[in-house]
Every structure is written in C-alpha cells, then in structure tokens.
C-alpha cells in the first residue's frame, strides 16, 4: 500500500505547508483545511493494514470523531467531558493493545482546552496527522528497532512537536537582542510594549500586564512546529529512542 502512503503524505505536507503560511501571516488557519487529510488518511490507514479488519475501525475513528467535534464550540468543562467520554467509548470498542495510542490522542485533544496551549486549528492539524499515520513514514522502508516500535506514531509526533515548540523561545530572545533589549527571563517570550509594532501586526502579539507595565507576548504560529515535528518523525521515526 505504498501508493496510499505517498498520497496521504503528499496531502499532509501540502496542507501543513499551507497552514503554516496562513498561521505565520494571520495567526489563523482555515477551519476546513485539514478535512481532506482526515478523510483520505483514515481510509488509507484502514487499507494500509496487512489484512484490513473492521476490528481496528474504532482506533481509526477516534481521532476522526474528535477532529469533527472541534467544529462545535464547547464551553471548557464540557469540552473535557466530551473528550473523556469519547475516549471511554472508543477504548471499550477497540481491540486490546491500543490504550496508549488512544490516550495520546486524547491528550492532544485536551491540549486544546480553553485554547490556552493550542488553538482549535492546531489541534485539528495534529488530530488530522494522527488519523493519517499509524506509524512514521520511514518505517515503510526501514524496519524500526523493537524499542522504537513500542511507542505509537502519535506519541513520537507529540513529543517531537513539543521539543520543536520549545526552541521558539530562542527566536524571541534573538529578536530582543537584535533590538538591543536587556536580556532577562521575560526576553524568551515577550517584547517591550511598542504601540507602532502592535498596530502594524496586532495578530502576532497579546498585551499583558507585568509588574505594573505592559508587555507584548509573542503568539507562536504553532502550525510551524507541528509541520517541522511531523517531518522529523516521518524522516527519522521515534528518533529519541535508540
């Protein structure tokens, strides 16, 4: 089923590239952008099995259901309840051995709680990727070690995205140093208040109060580290495990 994998990979790269561009430009992503990846990816994942079986269908449909639930605006507490309820149902319906994979997908979904960590578009992007890939793309060509194969793609993907996201603080620090600002703890995630800069690019910053003064917190375009993390895991698998 190499052809299916290549089609899904192509859709994933194209949509994540477009999403990254939109996120950088406006900090917003078209809410329908990742639907093709979810639909084609779920079909591809089903037929990518050595012997396609309906028993695996709940595992495939879990991220799909969570993805489409994001089109409904839940209040925060109901968002959590819905995620846990879906997890319980699909865990019950799924064959043994998939609890870790389902738990990681639930964790990704819950990271969208109140849009404090990730926005709805970011969560849609990650769930779409999890729907289309049950294993890193490289594993179709290179056999993973036993230790690497224990961890599902979703775990390696989320871990890698988290690591890549952490490096964004160095971008903010570099920009502060470029502007000749004093380097301190807050230099890693914020800029001094600049009304002209805020008016020019209001989507890039959120204004906060810090010790009686205003600062501008940089809003990271998270689709970019999601895209980079996806490429890393696709190219190197679960690279963090020898």
Protein backbone atom coordinates (compact mmCIF):
# COMPACT_ATOMS: atom_id res chain seq x y z
CA UNK A 1 0.00 0.00 0.00
CA UNK A 2 2.96 2.30 -0.64
CA UNK A 3 0.91 4.35 -3.13
CA UNK A 4 -1.73 5.16 -0.49
CA UNK A 5 1.01 6.19 1.94
CA UNK A 6 2.52 8.51 -0.64
CA UNK A 7 -0.85 10.14 -1.37
CA UNK A 8 -1.54 10.70 2.33
CA UNK A 9 2.00 12.03 2.80
CA UNK A 10 1.52 14.43 -0.09
CA UNK A 11 -1.77 15.74 1.31
CA UNK A 12 -0.22 16.09 4.77
CA UNK A 13 2.77 18.08 3.51
CA UNK A 14 0.62 20.29 1.28
CA UNK A 15 -1.96 21.12 3.97
CA UNK A 16 0.62 21.65 6.71
CA UNK A 17 2.61 23.92 4.41
CA UNK A 18 -0.49 25.97 3.59
CA UNK A 19 -1.48 26.00 7.25
CA UNK A 20 1.99 27.20 8.28
CA UNK A 21 1.83 30.03 5.76
CA UNK A 22 -1.63 31.09 6.95
CA UNK A 23 -0.60 30.87 10.60
CA UNK A 24 2.53 32.97 10.08
CA UNK A 25 0.61 35.56 8.11
CA UNK A 26 -2.55 35.95 10.19
CA UNK A 27 -2.30 33.52 13.15
CA UNK A 28 -5.44 31.90 11.81
CA UNK A 29 -5.90 28.74 9.76
CA UNK A 30 -8.83 27.85 7.50
CA UNK A 31 -11.03 25.62 9.65
CA UNK A 32 -11.73 23.26 6.73
CA UNK A 33 -8.10 22.93 5.62
CA UNK A 34 -7.34 19.56 7.20
CA UNK A 35 -10.58 17.76 6.29
CA UNK A 36 -9.04 16.12 3.15
CA UNK A 37 -6.20 14.71 5.27
CA UNK A 38 -8.66 13.30 7.81
CA UNK A 39 -10.87 11.66 5.18
CA UNK A 40 -8.14 10.28 2.92
CA UNK A 41 -5.88 9.49 5.88
CA UNK A 42 -8.48 7.42 7.71
CA UNK A 43 -9.23 5.42 4.56
CA UNK A 44 -5.53 4.95 3.90
CA UNK A 45 -4.87 3.82 7.48
CA UNK A 46 -7.62 1.21 7.21
CA UNK A 47 -6.39 -0.28 3.93
CA UNK A 48 -2.74 0.02 4.97
CA UNK A 49 -3.24 -2.95 7.28
CA UNK A 50 -1.74 -6.25 6.16
CA UNK A 51 -5.24 -7.68 6.37
CA UNK A 52 -7.87 -4.90 6.68
CA UNK A 53 -10.17 -5.66 9.59
CA UNK A 54 -13.22 -3.86 10.92
CA UNK A 55 -11.96 -4.60 14.43
CA UNK A 56 -9.42 -1.78 14.10
CA UNK A 57 -12.05 0.72 12.96
CA UNK A 58 -12.65 2.27 16.43
CA UNK A 59 -8.94 3.11 16.72
CA UNK A 60 -9.02 4.85 13.34
CA UNK A 61 -12.29 6.68 14.01
CA UNK A 62 -11.35 8.03 17.45
CA UNK A 63 -9.23 10.98 16.17
CA UNK A 64 -11.75 11.50 13.35
CA UNK A 65 -14.62 11.96 15.82
CA UNK A 66 -12.53 14.28 18.00
CA UNK A 67 -11.49 16.27 14.90
CA UNK A 68 -15.05 16.94 13.78
CA UNK A 69 -16.18 17.67 17.35
CA UNK A 70 -13.90 20.73 17.21
CA UNK A 71 -16.33 22.34 14.78
CA UNK A 72 -18.71 22.67 17.75
CA UNK A 73 -17.98 25.45 20.25
CA UNK A 74 -17.97 23.75 23.65
CA UNK A 75 -17.72 25.54 26.97
CA UNK A 76 -14.39 24.48 28.62
CA UNK A 77 -15.77 22.00 31.14
CA UNK A 78 -17.99 20.31 28.53
CA UNK A 79 -15.00 20.13 26.15
CA UNK A 80 -13.14 17.99 28.70
CA UNK A 81 -16.18 15.82 29.44
CA UNK A 82 -16.74 15.16 25.72
CA UNK A 83 -13.10 14.16 25.20
CA UNK A 84 -13.07 11.76 28.14
CA UNK A 85 -16.48 10.32 27.19
CA UNK A 86 -15.35 9.64 23.61
CA UNK A 87 -12.14 8.08 24.96
CA UNK A 88 -14.08 5.71 27.24
CA UNK A 89 -16.39 4.62 24.42
CA UNK A 90 -13.66 4.04 21.83
CA UNK A 91 -11.34 2.37 24.35
CA UNK A 92 -14.15 -0.09 25.10
CA UNK A 93 -14.77 -0.73 21.38
CA UNK A 94 -11.10 -1.05 20.40
CA UNK A 95 -9.10 -4.29 20.46
CA UNK A 96 -6.58 -4.78 23.31
CA UNK A 97 -3.19 -3.12 22.89
CA UNK A 98 -4.27 0.30 21.69
CA UNK A 99 -4.81 2.04 25.02
CA UNK A 100 -1.56 4.08 24.81
CA UNK A 101 -2.33 5.27 21.29
CA UNK A 102 -5.86 6.33 22.26
CA UNK A 103 -4.58 8.01 25.43
CA UNK A 104 -2.05 10.09 23.47
CA UNK A 105 -4.76 11.18 21.01
CA UNK A 106 -6.96 12.18 23.97
CA UNK A 107 -4.04 14.16 25.42
CA UNK A 108 -3.61 16.02 22.12
CA UNK A 109 -7.32 16.84 22.14
CA UNK A 110 -7.24 18.06 25.75
CA UNK A 111 -4.33 20.39 24.96
CA UNK A 112 -6.94 22.47 23.17
CA UNK A 113 -8.79 23.07 26.46
CA UNK A 114 -9.76 26.73 26.53
CA UNK A 115 -7.24 27.30 23.71
CA UNK A 116 -4.63 28.06 26.40
CA UNK A 117 -1.91 25.84 24.95
CA UNK A 118 -3.02 25.29 21.36
CA UNK A 119 -5.76 26.82 19.23
CA UNK A 120 -8.52 24.79 17.58
CA UNK A 121 -6.66 24.90 14.25
CA UNK A 122 -3.50 23.48 15.85
CA UNK A 123 -5.42 20.61 17.44
CA UNK A 124 -7.18 19.89 14.15
CA UNK A 125 -3.80 19.72 12.41
CA UNK A 126 -2.38 17.25 14.95
CA UNK A 127 -5.50 15.06 15.00
CA UNK A 128 -5.54 15.03 11.19
CA UNK A 129 -1.92 13.83 11.16
CA UNK A 130 -2.70 11.17 13.76
CA UNK A 131 -5.60 9.96 11.61
CA UNK A 132 -3.45 9.60 8.50
CA UNK A 133 -0.42 7.95 10.06
CA UNK A 134 -0.32 4.91 12.30
CA UNK A 135 3.47 4.69 12.01
CA UNK A 136 6.27 7.02 10.83
CA UNK A 137 6.58 7.14 7.05
CA UNK A 138 10.18 5.91 7.21
CA UNK A 139 9.02 2.65 8.81
CA UNK A 140 7.56 1.63 5.45
CA UNK A 141 11.15 1.40 4.20
CA UNK A 142 13.31 0.86 7.30
CA UNK A 143 12.42 -1.66 9.97
CA UNK A 144 12.33 0.01 13.41
CA UNK A 145 14.03 -1.44 16.46
CA UNK A 146 11.82 -3.23 18.97
CA UNK A 147 12.07 -0.31 21.42
CA UNK A 148 11.04 2.18 18.73
CA UNK A 149 8.09 0.08 17.63
CA UNK A 150 6.65 0.00 21.16
CA UNK A 151 5.72 3.67 21.02
CA UNK A 152 2.92 4.65 18.62
CA UNK A 153 3.41 7.34 15.99
CA UNK A 154 1.15 9.69 17.95
CA UNK A 155 3.48 9.64 20.96
CA UNK A 156 6.61 10.35 18.91
CA UNK A 157 4.78 13.05 16.98
CA UNK A 158 3.50 14.88 20.08
CA UNK A 159 6.88 14.60 21.82
CA UNK A 160 8.73 15.97 18.79
CA UNK A 161 6.29 18.85 18.31
CA UNK A 162 6.75 19.76 21.99
CA UNK A 163 10.55 19.80 21.62
CA UNK A 164 10.45 21.89 18.43
CA UNK A 165 7.99 24.33 20.05
CA UNK A 166 10.39 24.90 22.93
CA UNK A 167 13.01 26.25 20.53
CA UNK A 168 10.70 29.13 19.65
CA UNK A 169 11.85 30.93 22.80
CA UNK A 170 15.27 31.38 21.21
CA UNK A 171 13.67 33.18 18.27
CA UNK A 172 12.02 35.66 20.64
CA UNK A 173 15.32 36.06 22.53
CA UNK A 174 17.22 36.69 19.30
CA UNK A 175 14.70 39.35 18.25
CA UNK A 176 15.05 41.08 21.61
CA UNK A 177 18.83 41.02 21.36
CA UNK A 178 18.62 42.37 17.82
CA UNK A 179 16.60 45.32 19.10
CA UNK A 180 19.16 45.92 21.84
CA UNK A 181 16.87 44.96 24.70
CA UNK A 182 18.10 43.94 28.13
CA UNK A 183 18.25 40.13 28.29
CA UNK A 184 16.30 38.54 31.11
CA UNK A 185 13.81 35.77 31.84
CA UNK A 186 10.98 37.58 30.07
CA UNK A 187 13.12 38.09 26.96
CA UNK A 188 12.36 34.48 25.97
CA UNK A 189 8.65 35.00 25.42
CA UNK A 190 7.84 38.70 25.33
CA UNK A 191 8.80 42.10 23.94
CA UNK A 192 8.62 45.55 25.45
CA UNK A 193 5.40 47.35 24.60
CA UNK A 194 5.67 49.04 21.21
CA UNK A 195 2.43 50.63 20.01
CA UNK A 196 3.65 51.03 16.42
CA UNK A 197 4.69 47.38 16.19
CA UNK A 198 1.40 46.28 17.76
CA UNK A 199 -0.65 48.35 15.30
CA UNK A 200 1.34 47.01 12.36
CA UNK A 201 0.96 43.31 13.35
CA UNK A 202 -1.78 43.04 16.01
CA UNK A 203 -2.29 39.33 15.29
CA UNK A 204 1.27 38.48 16.38
CA UNK A 205 1.06 39.72 19.95
CA UNK A 206 -1.16 39.70 23.00
CA UNK A 207 -0.79 42.53 25.51
CA UNK A 208 -0.27 41.57 29.15
CA UNK A 209 0.44 43.38 32.40
CA UNK A 210 3.74 42.57 34.12
CA UNK A 211 4.82 44.28 37.32
CA UNK A 212 2.80 47.36 36.55
CA UNK A 213 3.87 47.71 32.93
CA UNK A 214 2.60 46.44 29.62
CA UNK A 215 4.44 43.82 27.60
CA UNK A 216 3.71 42.12 24.30
CA UNK A 217 3.68 38.32 24.44
CA UNK A 218 4.59 36.71 21.12
CA UNK A 219 1.90 34.44 19.72
CA UNK A 220 3.71 31.47 18.23
CA UNK A 221 2.32 30.16 14.90
CA UNK A 222 2.09 26.60 16.22
CA UNK A 223 1.34 25.03 12.86
CA UNK A 224 5.01 25.63 12.00
CA UNK A 225 6.45 23.42 14.80
CA UNK A 226 3.67 20.91 14.08
CA UNK A 227 4.83 20.79 10.45
CA UNK A 228 8.51 20.54 11.42
CA UNK A 229 7.77 17.89 14.06
CA UNK A 230 5.79 15.87 11.52
CA UNK A 231 8.68 15.99 9.01
CA UNK A 232 11.20 14.92 11.67
CA UNK A 233 9.16 11.92 12.83
CA UNK A 234 8.37 10.96 9.24
CA UNK A 235 12.07 11.05 8.31
CA UNK A 236 13.60 9.57 11.48
CA UNK A 237 10.78 7.73 13.24
CA UNK A 238 10.93 7.70 17.03
CA UNK A 239 14.38 9.32 16.92
CA UNK A 240 14.54 9.79 20.68
CA UNK A 241 14.80 6.01 21.20
CA UNK A 242 17.91 4.15 20.06
